[in-house]
Amino acid sequence: MSERVTLYAKPGCHLCDDARAIIAAVCAETGTGFTEIDITSDPALFERYGEQIPVTLVDGKQHDFWRVDPARLRKALGA
């Protein structure tokens, strides 16, 4: 399973929790892997994404921020 989706998030973020659940479900449906990166572990990522999290990337390109639309994510993954 390839990891095509990346979620930039941080601990204690309720929008991140919502996004993670949607991403996990869509990735399970489509057989796509995803990885999550805690932006608090990297000052450059925190500077870049701190006000937009959760941020979702598909194939390395920014796809969404704040909210994840499951239908839009499925489409981006070719499902």
PDB file of N, CA and C in Angstrom:
ATOM      1  N   MET A   1       0.850  -1.164   0.000  1.00  0.00           N
ATOM      2  CA  MET A   1       0.000   0.000   0.000  1.00  0.00           C
ATOM      3  C   MET A   1       0.905   1.240   0.000  1.00  0.00           C
ATOM      4  N   SER A   2       0.729   2.077  -0.988  1.00  0.00           N
ATOM      5  CA  SER A   2       1.551   3.285  -1.066  1.00  0.00           C
ATOM      6  C   SER A   2       0.948   4.394  -0.209  1.00  0.00           C
ATOM      7  N   GLU A   3       1.820   5.182   0.378  1.00  0.00           N
ATOM      8  CA  GLU A   3       1.367   6.301   1.208  1.00  0.00           C
ATOM      9  C   GLU A   3       1.262   7.546   0.344  1.00  0.00           C
ATOM     10  N   ARG A   4       0.090   7.778  -0.208  1.00  0.00           N
ATOM     11  CA  ARG A   4      -0.136   8.917  -1.101  1.00  0.00           C
ATOM     12  C   ARG A   4      -0.665  10.132  -0.373  1.00  0.00           C
ATOM     13  N   VAL A   5      -1.195   9.927   0.840  1.00  0.00           N
ATOM     14  CA  VAL A   5      -1.812  11.020   1.591  1.00  0.00           C
ATOM     15  C   VAL A   5      -0.954  11.341   2.814  1.00  0.00           C
ATOM     16  N   THR A   6      -0.737  12.633   3.035  1.00  0.00           N
ATOM     17  CA  THR A   6      -0.024  13.095   4.218  1.00  0.00           C
ATOM     18  C   THR A   6      -0.930  14.054   4.974  1.00  0.00           C
ATOM     19  N   LEU A   7      -1.013  13.866   6.268  1.00  0.00           N
ATOM     20  CA  LEU A   7      -1.785  14.750   7.131  1.00  0.00           C
ATOM     21  C   LEU A   7      -0.814  15.482   8.041  1.00  0.00           C
ATOM     22  N   TYR A   8      -0.791  16.804   7.939  1.00  0.00           N
ATOM     23  CA  TYR A   8      -0.044  17.637   8.882  1.00  0.00           C
ATOM     24  C   TYR A   8      -1.013  18.032   9.976  1.00  0.00           C
ATOM     25  N   ALA A   9      -0.658  17.729  11.217  1.00  0.00           N
ATOM     26  CA  ALA A   9      -1.558  17.932  12.343  1.00  0.00           C
ATOM     27  C   ALA A   9      -0.743  18.276  13.582  1.00  0.00           C
ATOM     28  N   LYS A  10      -1.456  18.494  14.699  1.00  0.00           N
ATOM     29  CA  LYS A  10      -0.776  18.670  15.978  1.00  0.00           C
ATOM     30  C   LYS A  10      -1.664  18.105  17.073  1.00  0.00           C
ATOM     31  N   PRO A  11      -1.072  17.726  18.198  1.00  0.00           N
ATOM     32  CA  PRO A  11      -1.840  17.161  19.306  1.00  0.00           C
ATOM     33  C   PRO A  11      -2.866  18.163  19.837  1.00  0.00           C
ATOM     34  N   GLY A  12      -4.016  17.639  20.265  1.00  0.00           N
ATOM     35  CA  GLY A  12      -5.043  18.465  20.872  1.00  0.00           C
ATOM     36  C   GLY A  12      -5.880  19.268  19.893  1.00  0.00           C
ATOM     37  N   CYS A  13      -5.777  18.965  18.621  1.00  0.00           N
ATOM     38  CA  CYS A  13      -6.501  19.693  17.574  1.00  0.00           C
ATOM     39  C   CYS A  13      -7.731  18.878  17.178  1.00  0.00           C
ATOM     40  N   HIS A  14      -8.943  19.379  17.522  1.00  0.00           N
ATOM     41  CA  HIS A  14     -10.153  18.604  17.221  1.00  0.00           C
ATOM     42  C   HIS A  14     -10.405  18.503  15.720  1.00  0.00           C
ATOM     43  N   LEU A  15     -10.037  19.531  14.945  1.00  0.00           N
ATOM     44  CA  LEU A  15     -10.184  19.433  13.484  1.00  0.00           C
ATOM     45  C   LEU A  15      -9.248  18.369  12.924  1.00  0.00           C
ATOM     46  N   CYS A  16      -8.080  18.236  13.541  1.00  0.00           N
ATOM     47  CA  CYS A  16      -7.136  17.192  13.114  1.00  0.00           C
ATOM     48  C   CYS A  16      -7.711  15.806  13.384  1.00  0.00           C
ATOM     49  N   ASP A  17      -8.373  15.660  14.532  1.00  0.00           N
ATOM     50  CA  ASP A  17      -9.006  14.380  14.863  1.00  0.00           C
ATOM     51  C   ASP A  17     -10.080  14.033  13.833  1.00  0.00           C
ATOM     52  N   ASP A  18     -10.890  15.021  13.459  1.00  0.00           N
ATOM     53  CA  ASP A  18     -11.925  14.800  12.449  1.00  0.00           C
ATOM     54  C   ASP A  18     -11.304  14.428  11.105  1.00  0.00           C
ATOM     55  N   ALA A  19     -10.271  15.173  10.709  1.00  0.00           N
ATOM     56  CA  ALA A  19      -9.608  14.918   9.427  1.00  0.00           C
ATOM     57  C   ALA A  19      -8.984  13.525   9.408  1.00  0.00           C
ATOM     58  N   ARG A  20      -8.340  13.139  10.500  1.00  0.00           N
ATOM     59  CA  ARG A  20      -7.699  11.827  10.585  1.00  0.00           C
ATOM     60  C   ARG A  20      -8.718  10.712  10.377  1.00  0.00           C
ATOM     61  N   ALA A  21      -9.886  10.840  10.991  1.00  0.00           N
ATOM     62  CA  ALA A  21     -10.923   9.811  10.858  1.00  0.00           C
ATOM     63  C   ALA A  21     -11.401   9.701   9.415  1.00  0.00           C
ATOM     64  N   ILE A  22     -11.613  10.833   8.761  1.00  0.00           N
ATOM     65  CA  ILE A  22     -12.054  10.817   7.361  1.00  0.00           C
ATOM     66  C   ILE A  22     -10.970  10.237   6.464  1.00  0.00           C
ATOM     67  N   ILE A  23      -9.739  10.686   6.653  1.00  0.00           N
ATOM     68  CA  ILE A  23      -8.629  10.196   5.825  1.00  0.00           C
ATOM     69  C   ILE A  23      -8.443   8.697   6.023  1.00  0.00           C
ATOM     70  N   ALA A  24      -8.481   8.241   7.265  1.00  0.00           N
ATOM     71  CA  ALA A  24      -8.319   6.805   7.525  1.00  0.00           C
ATOM     72  C   ALA A  24      -9.406   5.996   6.831  1.00  0.00           C
ATOM     73  N   ALA A  25     -10.651   6.470   6.879  1.00  0.00           N
ATOM     74  CA  ALA A  25     -11.754   5.746   6.254  1.00  0.00           C
ATOM     75  C   ALA A  25     -11.614   5.716   4.733  1.00  0.00           C
ATOM     76  N   VAL A  26     -11.324   6.867   4.135  1.00  0.00           N
ATOM     77  CA  VAL A  26     -11.202   6.931   2.674  1.00  0.00           C
ATOM     78  C   VAL A  26      -9.995   6.115   2.208  1.00  0.00           C
ATOM     79  N   CYS A  27      -8.896   6.203   2.930  1.00  0.00           N
ATOM     80  CA  CYS A  27      -7.715   5.432   2.544  1.00  0.00           C
ATOM     81  C   CYS A  27      -7.956   3.930   2.673  1.00  0.00           C
ATOM     82  N   ALA A  28      -8.700   3.522   3.689  1.00  0.00           N
ATOM     83  CA  ALA A  28      -9.042   2.104   3.838  1.00  0.00           C
ATOM     84  C   ALA A  28      -9.908   1.641   2.672  1.00  0.00           C
ATOM     85  N   GLU A  29     -10.866   2.477   2.265  1.00  0.00           N
ATOM     86  CA  GLU A  29     -11.743   2.141   1.138  1.00  0.00           C
ATOM     87  C   GLU A  29     -10.960   1.990  -0.161  1.00  0.00           C
ATOM     88  N   THR A  30      -9.983   2.861  -0.350  1.00  0.00           N
ATOM     89  CA  THR A  30      -9.264   2.922  -1.630  1.00  0.00           C
ATOM     90  C   THR A  30      -7.965   2.137  -1.639  1.00  0.00           C
ATOM     91  N   GLY A  31      -7.596   1.542  -0.505  1.00  0.00           N
ATOM     92  CA  GLY A  31      -6.350   0.800  -0.434  1.00  0.00           C
ATOM     93  C   GLY A  31      -5.124   1.703  -0.523  1.00  0.00           C
ATOM     94  N   THR A  32      -5.279   2.916  -0.033  1.00  0.00           N
ATOM     95  CA  THR A  32      -4.209   3.906  -0.077  1.00  0.00           C
ATOM     96  C   THR A  32      -3.662   4.116   1.326  1.00  0.00           C
ATOM     97  N   GLY A  33      -2.357   4.223   1.420  1.00  0.00           N
ATOM     98  CA  GLY A  33      -1.753   4.483   2.715  1.00  0.00           C
ATOM     99  C   GLY A  33      -1.705   5.973   3.009  1.00  0.00           C
ATOM    100  N   PHE A  34      -1.618   6.287   4.314  1.00  0.00           N
ATOM    101  CA  PHE A  34      -1.418   7.686   4.681  1.00  0.00           C
ATOM    102  C   PHE A  34      -0.460   7.769   5.851  1.00  0.00           C
ATOM    103  N   THR A  35       0.154   8.906   5.962  1.00  0.00           N
ATOM    104  CA  THR A  35       1.063   9.159   7.067  1.00  0.00           C
ATOM    105  C   THR A  35       0.667  10.473   7.723  1.00  0.00           C
ATOM    106  N   GLU A  36       0.945  10.569   9.002  1.00  0.00           N
ATOM    107  CA  GLU A  36       0.639  11.791   9.745  1.00  0.00           C
ATOM    108  C   GLU A  36       1.931  12.370  10.297  1.00  0.00           C
ATOM    109  N   ILE A  37       2.074  13.679  10.169  1.00  0.00           N
ATOM    110  CA  ILE A  37       3.255  14.367  10.670  1.00  0.00           C
ATOM    111  C   ILE A  37       2.811  15.417  11.681  1.00  0.00           C
ATOM    112  N   ASP A  38       3.401  15.363  12.856  1.00  0.00           N
ATOM    113  CA  ASP A  38       3.126  16.326  13.925  1.00  0.00           C
ATOM    114  C   ASP A  38       3.952  17.582  13.647  1.00  0.00           C
ATOM    115  N   ILE A  39       3.278  18.682  13.335  1.00  0.00           N
ATOM    116  CA  ILE A  39       4.002  19.903  12.973  1.00  0.00           C
ATOM    117  C   ILE A  39       4.735  20.519  14.160  1.00  0.00           C
ATOM    118  N   THR A  40       4.379  20.122  15.382  1.00  0.00           N
ATOM    119  CA  THR A  40       5.084  20.681  16.539  1.00  0.00           C
ATOM    120  C   THR A  40       6.490  20.105  16.676  1.00  0.00           C
ATOM    121  N   SER A  41       6.790  19.050  15.920  1.00  0.00           N
ATOM    122  CA  SER A  41       8.122  18.434  15.983  1.00  0.00           C
ATOM    123  C   SER A  41       9.109  19.088  15.021  1.00  0.00           C
ATOM    124  N   ASP A  42       8.639  20.028  14.208  1.00  0.00           N
ATOM    125  CA  ASP A  42       9.498  20.666  13.207  1.00  0.00           C
ATOM    126  C   ASP A  42       9.149  22.156  13.118  1.00  0.00           C
ATOM    127  N   PRO A  43      10.048  23.034  13.573  1.00  0.00           N
ATOM    128  CA  PRO A  43       9.743  24.469  13.563  1.00  0.00           C
ATOM    129  C   PRO A  43       9.366  25.019  12.183  1.00  0.00           C
ATOM    130  N   ALA A  44       9.973  24.513  11.126  1.00  0.00           N
ATOM    131  CA  ALA A  44       9.653  24.991   9.771  1.00  0.00           C
ATOM    132  C   ALA A  44       8.232  24.605   9.384  1.00  0.00           C
ATOM    133  N   LEU A  45       7.830  23.382   9.704  1.00  0.00           N
ATOM    134  CA  LEU A  45       6.456  22.952   9.410  1.00  0.00           C
ATOM    135  C   LEU A  45       5.458  23.722  10.252  1.00  0.00           C
ATOM    136  N   PHE A  46       5.797  23.971  11.519  1.00  0.00           N
ATOM    137  CA  PHE A  46       4.903  24.720  12.381  1.00  0.00           C
ATOM    138  C   PHE A  46       4.717  26.139  11.853  1.00  0.00           C
ATOM    139  N   GLU A  47       5.801  26.749  11.396  1.00  0.00           N
ATOM    140  CA  GLU A  47       5.731  28.099  10.828  1.00  0.00           C
ATOM    141  C   GLU A  47       4.864  28.117   9.566  1.00  0.00           C
ATOM    142  N   ARG A  48       5.041  27.096   8.734  1.00  0.00           N
ATOM    143  CA  ARG A  48       4.325  27.057   7.454  1.00  0.00           C
ATOM    144  C   ARG A  48       2.843  26.725   7.604  1.00  0.00           C
ATOM    145  N   TYR A  49       2.526  25.755   8.456  1.00  0.00           N
ATOM    146  CA  TYR A  49       1.167  25.222   8.516  1.00  0.00           C
ATOM    147  C   TYR A  49       0.411  25.515   9.813  1.00  0.00           C
ATOM    148  N   GLY A  50       1.029  26.192  10.767  1.00  0.00           N
ATOM    149  CA  GLY A  50       0.447  26.375  12.095  1.00  0.00           C
ATOM    150  C   GLY A  50      -0.957  26.944  12.118  1.00  0.00           C
ATOM    151  N   GLU A  51      -1.283  27.842  11.202  1.00  0.00           N
ATOM    152  CA  GLU A  51      -2.602  28.474  11.183  1.00  0.00           C
ATOM    153  C   GLU A  51      -3.594  27.762  10.263  1.00  0.00           C
ATOM    154  N   GLN A  52      -3.155  26.738   9.547  1.00  0.00           N
ATOM    155  CA  GLN A  52      -4.021  26.080   8.565  1.00  0.00           C
ATOM    156  C   GLN A  52      -4.386  24.649   8.931  1.00  0.00           C
ATOM    157  N   ILE A  53      -3.786  24.095   9.962  1.00  0.00           N
ATOM    158  CA  ILE A  53      -3.991  22.673  10.222  1.00  0.00           C
ATOM    159  C   ILE A  53      -5.442  22.344  10.537  1.00  0.00           C
ATOM    160  N   PRO A  54      -5.844  21.140  10.220  1.00  0.00           N
ATOM    161  CA  PRO A  54      -5.071  20.118   9.542  1.00  0.00           C
ATOM    162  C   PRO A  54      -4.888  20.438   8.062  1.00  0.00           C
ATOM    163  N   VAL A  55      -3.736  20.069   7.555  1.00  0.00           N
ATOM    164  CA  VAL A  55      -3.440  20.236   6.132  1.00  0.00           C
ATOM    165  C   VAL A  55      -3.261  18.845   5.542  1.00  0.00           C
ATOM    166  N   THR A  56      -3.912  18.601   4.417  1.00  0.00           N
ATOM    167  CA  THR A  56      -3.847  17.313   3.745  1.00  0.00           C
ATOM    168  C   THR A  56      -3.124  17.474   2.414  1.00  0.00           C
ATOM    169  N   LEU A  57      -2.153  16.592   2.173  1.00  0.00           N
ATOM    170  CA  LEU A  57      -1.458  16.552   0.892  1.00  0.00           C
ATOM    171  C   LEU A  57      -1.786  15.237   0.207  1.00  0.00           C
ATOM    172  N   VAL A  58      -1.931  15.278  -1.099  1.00  0.00           N
ATOM    173  CA  VAL A  58      -2.096  14.067  -1.901  1.00  0.00           C
ATOM    174  C   VAL A  58      -0.975  14.077  -2.919  1.00  0.00           C
ATOM    175  N   ASP A  59      -0.193  13.013  -2.922  1.00  0.00           N
ATOM    176  CA  ASP A  59       0.958  12.892  -3.822  1.00  0.00           C
ATOM    177  C   ASP A  59       1.882  14.107  -3.702  1.00  0.00           C
ATOM    178  N   GLY A  60       2.054  14.599  -2.460  1.00  0.00           N
ATOM    179  CA  GLY A  60       2.989  15.679  -2.192  1.00  0.00           C
ATOM    180  C   GLY A  60       2.487  17.078  -2.477  1.00  0.00           C
ATOM    181  N   LYS A  61       1.244  17.199  -2.953  1.00  0.00           N
ATOM    182  CA  LYS A  61       0.683  18.515  -3.264  1.00  0.00           C
ATOM    183  C   LYS A  61      -0.463  18.817  -2.313  1.00  0.00           C
ATOM    184  N   GLN A  62      -0.536  20.077  -1.843  1.00  0.00           N
ATOM    185  CA  GLN A  62      -1.595  20.438  -0.902  1.00  0.00           C
ATOM    186  C   GLN A  62      -2.960  20.217  -1.532  1.00  0.00           C
ATOM    187  N   HIS A  63      -3.798  19.508  -0.794  1.00  0.00           N
ATOM    188  CA  HIS A  63      -5.129  19.141  -1.270  1.00  0.00           C
ATOM    189  C   HIS A  63      -6.207  19.935  -0.528  1.00  0.00           C
ATOM    190  N   ASP A  64      -6.111  19.991   0.802  1.00  0.00           N
ATOM    191  CA  ASP A  64      -7.115  20.651   1.636  1.00  0.00           C
ATOM    192  C   ASP A  64      -6.453  21.202   2.890  1.00  0.00           C
ATOM    193  N   PHE A  65      -7.171  22.099   3.549  1.00  0.00           N
ATOM    194  CA  PHE A  65      -6.797  22.501   4.899  1.00  0.00           C
ATOM    195  C   PHE A  65      -8.066  22.773   5.681  1.00  0.00           C
ATOM    196  N   TRP A  66      -7.961  22.703   7.008  1.00  0.00           N
ATOM    197  CA  TRP A  66      -9.044  22.835   7.982  1.00  0.00           C
ATOM    198  C   TRP A  66     -10.033  21.681   7.941  1.00  0.00           C
ATOM    199  N   ARG A  67     -10.655  21.430   6.824  1.00  0.00           N
ATOM    200  CA  ARG A  67     -11.640  20.346   6.715  1.00  0.00           C
ATOM    201  C   ARG A  67     -11.266  19.422   5.551  1.00  0.00           C
ATOM    202  N   VAL A  68     -11.647  18.164   5.675  1.00  0.00           N
ATOM    203  CA  VAL A  68     -11.412  17.200   4.601  1.00  0.00           C
ATOM    204  C   VAL A  68     -12.770  16.757   4.074  1.00  0.00           C
ATOM    205  N   ASP A  69     -12.971  16.936   2.790  1.00  0.00           N
ATOM    206  CA  ASP A  69     -14.197  16.496   2.134  1.00  0.00           C
ATOM    207  C   ASP A  69     -13.950  15.078   1.619  1.00  0.00           C
ATOM    208  N   PRO A  70     -14.664  14.083   2.148  1.00  0.00           N
ATOM    209  CA  PRO A  70     -14.383  12.702   1.747  1.00  0.00           C
ATOM    210  C   PRO A  70     -14.579  12.454   0.253  1.00  0.00           C
ATOM    211  N   ALA A  71     -15.600  13.033  -0.354  1.00  0.00           N
ATOM    212  CA  ALA A  71     -15.839  12.824  -1.791  1.00  0.00           C
ATOM    213  C   ALA A  71     -14.704  13.429  -2.608  1.00  0.00           C
ATOM    214  N   ARG A  72     -14.239  14.602  -2.211  1.00  0.00           N
ATOM    215  CA  ARG A  72     -13.138  15.264  -2.931  1.00  0.00           C
ATOM    216  C   ARG A  72     -11.842  14.453  -2.783  1.00  0.00           C
ATOM    217  N   LEU A  73     -11.609  13.897  -1.601  1.00  0.00           N
ATOM    218  CA  LEU A  73     -10.418  13.082  -1.373  1.00  0.00           C
ATOM    219  C   LEU A  73     -10.489  11.788  -2.200  1.00  0.00           C
ATOM    220  N   ARG A  74     -11.654  11.141  -2.218  1.00  0.00           N
ATOM    221  CA  ARG A  74     -11.806   9.943  -3.056  1.00  0.00           C
ATOM    222  C   ARG A  74     -11.489  10.254  -4.509  1.00  0.00           C
ATOM    223  N   LYS A  75     -12.012  11.373  -4.998  1.00  0.00           N
ATOM    224  CA  LYS A  75     -11.779  11.772  -6.393  1.00  0.00           C
ATOM    225  C   LYS A  75     -10.290  11.978  -6.647  1.00  0.00           C
ATOM    226  N   ALA A  76      -9.608  12.653  -5.726  1.00  0.00           N
ATOM    227  CA  ALA A  76      -8.180  12.912  -5.888  1.00  0.00           C
ATOM    228  C   ALA A  76      -7.378  11.609  -5.906  1.00  0.00           C
ATOM    229  N   LEU A  77      -7.898  10.599  -5.234  1.00  0.00           N
ATOM    230  CA  LEU A  77      -7.216   9.300  -5.183  1.00  0.00           C
ATOM    231  C   LEU A  77      -7.653   8.388  -6.339  1.00  0.00           C
ATOM    232  N   GLY A  78      -8.523   8.899  -7.192  1.00  0.00           N
ATOM    233  CA  GLY A  78      -8.940   8.138  -8.360  1.00  0.00           C
ATOM    234  C   GLY A  78     -10.022   7.117  -8.075  1.00  0.00           C
ATOM    235  N   ALA A  79     -10.718   7.300  -6.956  1.00  0.00           N
ATOM    236  CA  ALA A  79     -11.774   6.337  -6.597  1.00  0.00           C
ATOM    237  C   ALA A  79     -13.135   6.830  -7.051  1.00  0.00           C
TER     238      ALA A  79
END
